[in-house]
Amino acid sequence: MYRRPKFLEILLEIREQMSRDADFDVDLFTELVRSGKITEGHGSHSLGGTENGDNGNGTGLKGVKPKS
């Protein structure tokens, strides 16, 4: 059996940490929903553009140009 390259070992460590962080986020969100701390008063999240999700280019995506 061969030894894994260093970059692969680091990549796997990063993926494991990201997985643990995602699990924590899901657990926290579930707890907030169950406790009723999340209400309609919280705004939605967007990836860019205006509050209605439109960034002016007609695609709804930041940095994407509409097809001609």
N, C-alpha and C. Protein backbone atom coordinates (compact mmCIF):
# COMPACT_ATOMS: atom_id res chain seq x y z
N MET A 1 0.85 -1.18 0.00
CA MET A 1 0.00 0.00 0.00
C MET A 1 0.89 1.24 0.00
N TYR A 2 0.53 2.22 -0.78
CA TYR A 2 1.33 3.44 -0.85
C TYR A 2 0.82 4.48 0.14
N ARG A 3 1.68 5.41 0.49
CA ARG A 3 1.33 6.49 1.41
C ARG A 3 0.60 7.59 0.64
N ARG A 4 -0.42 8.17 1.28
CA ARG A 4 -1.16 9.26 0.66
C ARG A 4 -0.30 10.51 0.55
N PRO A 5 -0.46 11.25 -0.54
CA PRO A 5 0.24 12.53 -0.65
C PRO A 5 -0.25 13.50 0.44
N LYS A 6 0.62 14.39 0.84
CA LYS A 6 0.31 15.35 1.90
C LYS A 6 -0.93 16.18 1.58
N PHE A 7 -1.04 16.65 0.33
CA PHE A 7 -2.20 17.48 -0.02
C PHE A 7 -3.50 16.70 0.13
N LEU A 8 -3.50 15.39 -0.12
CA LEU A 8 -4.70 14.59 0.03
C LEU A 8 -5.05 14.44 1.51
N GLU A 9 -4.03 14.27 2.36
CA GLU A 9 -4.29 14.19 3.80
C GLU A 9 -4.91 15.48 4.32
N ILE A 10 -4.39 16.61 3.87
CA ILE A 10 -4.93 17.92 4.29
C ILE A 10 -6.34 18.10 3.75
N LEU A 11 -6.56 17.71 2.51
CA LEU A 11 -7.89 17.82 1.91
C LEU A 11 -8.91 17.00 2.71
N LEU A 12 -8.55 15.79 3.10
CA LEU A 12 -9.45 14.95 3.88
C LEU A 12 -9.73 15.56 5.25
N GLU A 13 -8.72 16.17 5.87
CA GLU A 13 -8.93 16.85 7.16
C GLU A 13 -9.91 18.01 7.01
N ILE A 14 -9.75 18.76 5.94
CA ILE A 14 -10.65 19.90 5.69
C ILE A 14 -12.07 19.40 5.47
N ARG A 15 -12.24 18.34 4.69
CA ARG A 15 -13.57 17.79 4.44
C ARG A 15 -14.21 17.28 5.72
N GLU A 16 -13.42 16.65 6.59
CA GLU A 16 -13.95 16.17 7.86
C GLU A 16 -14.42 17.33 8.72
N GLN A 17 -13.61 18.40 8.78
CA GLN A 17 -13.98 19.57 9.58
C GLN A 17 -15.24 20.23 9.02
N MET A 18 -15.33 20.36 7.71
CA MET A 18 -16.51 20.95 7.09
C MET A 18 -17.76 20.11 7.39
N SER A 19 -17.60 18.80 7.38
CA SER A 19 -18.71 17.91 7.68
C SER A 19 -19.18 18.09 9.12
N ARG A 20 -18.23 18.20 10.05
CA ARG A 20 -18.59 18.43 11.46
C ARG A 20 -19.28 19.77 11.62
N ASP A 21 -18.79 20.81 10.94
CA ASP A 21 -19.41 22.14 11.02
C ASP A 21 -20.84 22.11 10.46
N ALA A 22 -21.04 21.40 9.36
CA ALA A 22 -22.37 21.32 8.77
C ALA A 22 -23.32 20.57 9.70
N ASP A 23 -22.85 19.50 10.32
CA ASP A 23 -23.68 18.77 11.28
C ASP A 23 -24.07 19.66 12.44
N PHE A 24 -23.12 20.46 12.94
CA PHE A 24 -23.41 21.37 14.03
C PHE A 24 -24.45 22.40 13.61
N ASP A 25 -24.30 22.96 12.40
CA ASP A 25 -25.25 23.95 11.91
C ASP A 25 -26.66 23.38 11.79
N VAL A 26 -26.77 22.15 11.30
CA VAL A 26 -28.08 21.51 11.16
C VAL A 26 -28.68 21.28 12.54
N ASP A 27 -27.87 20.80 13.49
CA ASP A 27 -28.36 20.58 14.85
C ASP A 27 -28.83 21.88 15.48
N LEU A 28 -28.07 22.96 15.29
CA LEU A 28 -28.43 24.25 15.85
C LEU A 28 -29.73 24.76 15.22
N PHE A 29 -29.86 24.65 13.91
CA PHE A 29 -31.07 25.09 13.23
C PHE A 29 -32.28 24.29 13.73
N THR A 30 -32.12 22.98 13.86
CA THR A 30 -33.21 22.13 14.35
C THR A 30 -33.63 22.55 15.75
N GLU A 31 -32.66 22.83 16.60
CA GLU A 31 -32.97 23.26 17.96
C GLU A 31 -33.70 24.60 17.97
N LEU A 32 -33.28 25.53 17.11
CA LEU A 32 -33.95 26.82 17.02
C LEU A 32 -35.40 26.66 16.54
N VAL A 33 -35.61 25.79 15.58
CA VAL A 33 -36.97 25.59 15.06
C VAL A 33 -37.84 24.96 16.14
N ARG A 34 -37.32 23.95 16.82
CA ARG A 34 -38.10 23.27 17.85
C ARG A 34 -38.42 24.18 19.03
N SER A 35 -37.52 25.08 19.36
CA SER A 35 -37.74 25.97 20.50
C SER A 35 -38.63 27.15 20.13
N GLY A 36 -38.89 27.35 18.84
CA GLY A 36 -39.74 28.45 18.40
C GLY A 36 -39.02 29.78 18.34
N LYS A 37 -37.71 29.79 18.36
CA LYS A 37 -36.95 31.04 18.30
C LYS A 37 -36.87 31.61 16.89
N ILE A 38 -37.18 30.80 15.89
CA ILE A 38 -37.21 31.29 14.51
C ILE A 38 -38.64 31.67 14.20
N THR A 39 -38.85 32.92 13.83
CA THR A 39 -40.19 33.41 13.53
C THR A 39 -40.22 33.99 12.13
N GLU A 40 -41.37 34.47 11.73
CA GLU A 40 -41.53 35.08 10.41
C GLU A 40 -40.75 36.39 10.31
N GLY A 41 -40.34 36.96 11.44
CA GLY A 41 -39.64 38.24 11.44
C GLY A 41 -38.24 38.17 10.88
N HIS A 42 -37.67 36.99 10.78
CA HIS A 42 -36.33 36.84 10.24
C HIS A 42 -36.37 36.94 8.73
N GLY A 43 -35.42 37.68 8.16
CA GLY A 43 -35.36 37.83 6.72
C GLY A 43 -34.74 36.62 6.06
N SER A 44 -34.97 36.49 4.77
CA SER A 44 -34.37 35.39 4.05
C SER A 44 -32.95 35.76 3.63
N HIS A 45 -32.19 34.77 3.28
CA HIS A 45 -30.81 34.99 2.85
C HIS A 45 -30.75 34.94 1.34
N SER A 46 -29.88 35.76 0.76
CA SER A 46 -29.71 35.73 -0.69
C SER A 46 -28.22 35.72 -1.01
N LEU A 47 -27.91 35.34 -2.22
CA LEU A 47 -26.52 35.26 -2.66
C LEU A 47 -26.05 36.54 -3.31
N GLY A 48 -26.88 37.54 -3.36
CA GLY A 48 -26.49 38.81 -3.97
C GLY A 48 -27.67 39.46 -4.63
N GLY A 49 -27.48 40.66 -5.08
CA GLY A 49 -28.55 41.38 -5.74
C GLY A 49 -29.38 42.16 -4.74
N THR A 50 -30.60 42.45 -5.13
CA THR A 50 -31.48 43.25 -4.30
C THR A 50 -32.28 42.36 -3.36
N GLU A 51 -33.14 42.97 -2.57
CA GLU A 51 -33.92 42.19 -1.61
C GLU A 51 -34.86 41.20 -2.28
N ASN A 52 -35.32 41.50 -3.48
CA ASN A 52 -36.22 40.57 -4.16
C ASN A 52 -35.45 39.52 -4.96
N GLY A 53 -34.14 39.50 -4.86
CA GLY A 53 -33.32 38.50 -5.53
C GLY A 53 -32.87 38.88 -6.91
N ASP A 54 -33.32 40.03 -7.41
CA ASP A 54 -32.95 40.44 -8.76
C ASP A 54 -31.71 41.32 -8.68
N ASN A 55 -30.73 41.01 -9.49
CA ASN A 55 -29.51 41.82 -9.50
C ASN A 55 -29.44 42.71 -10.73
N GLY A 56 -30.53 42.81 -11.47
CA GLY A 56 -30.56 43.72 -12.60
C GLY A 56 -30.15 43.12 -13.92
N ASN A 57 -29.63 41.88 -13.95
CA ASN A 57 -29.23 41.31 -15.22
C ASN A 57 -30.24 40.30 -15.75
N GLY A 58 -31.35 40.12 -15.04
CA GLY A 58 -32.41 39.25 -15.52
C GLY A 58 -32.19 37.77 -15.27
N THR A 59 -31.05 37.38 -14.69
CA THR A 59 -30.79 35.96 -14.42
C THR A 59 -31.03 35.58 -12.98
N GLY A 60 -31.00 36.56 -12.08
CA GLY A 60 -31.12 36.27 -10.66
C GLY A 60 -29.81 35.80 -10.05
N LEU A 61 -28.75 35.73 -10.86
CA LEU A 61 -27.46 35.28 -10.37
C LEU A 61 -26.43 36.39 -10.52
N LYS A 62 -25.67 36.61 -9.48
CA LYS A 62 -24.66 37.65 -9.51
C LYS A 62 -23.51 37.27 -10.44
N GLY A 63 -23.14 38.16 -11.29
CA GLY A 63 -22.01 37.93 -12.18
C GLY A 63 -22.34 37.13 -13.43
N VAL A 64 -23.60 36.74 -13.61
CA VAL A 64 -23.99 35.96 -14.77
C VAL A 64 -24.70 36.88 -15.76
N LYS A 65 -24.23 36.86 -16.99
CA LYS A 65 -24.83 37.71 -18.02
C LYS A 65 -25.92 36.93 -18.73
N PRO A 66 -27.06 37.57 -19.02
CA PRO A 66 -28.12 36.87 -19.73
C PRO A 66 -27.70 36.55 -21.15
N LYS A 67 -28.27 35.44 -21.68
CA LYS A 67 -27.95 35.05 -23.06
C LYS A 67 -28.64 35.99 -24.02
N SER A 68 -27.96 36.32 -25.12
CA SER A 68 -28.52 37.23 -26.12
C SER A 68 -29.35 36.50 -27.13
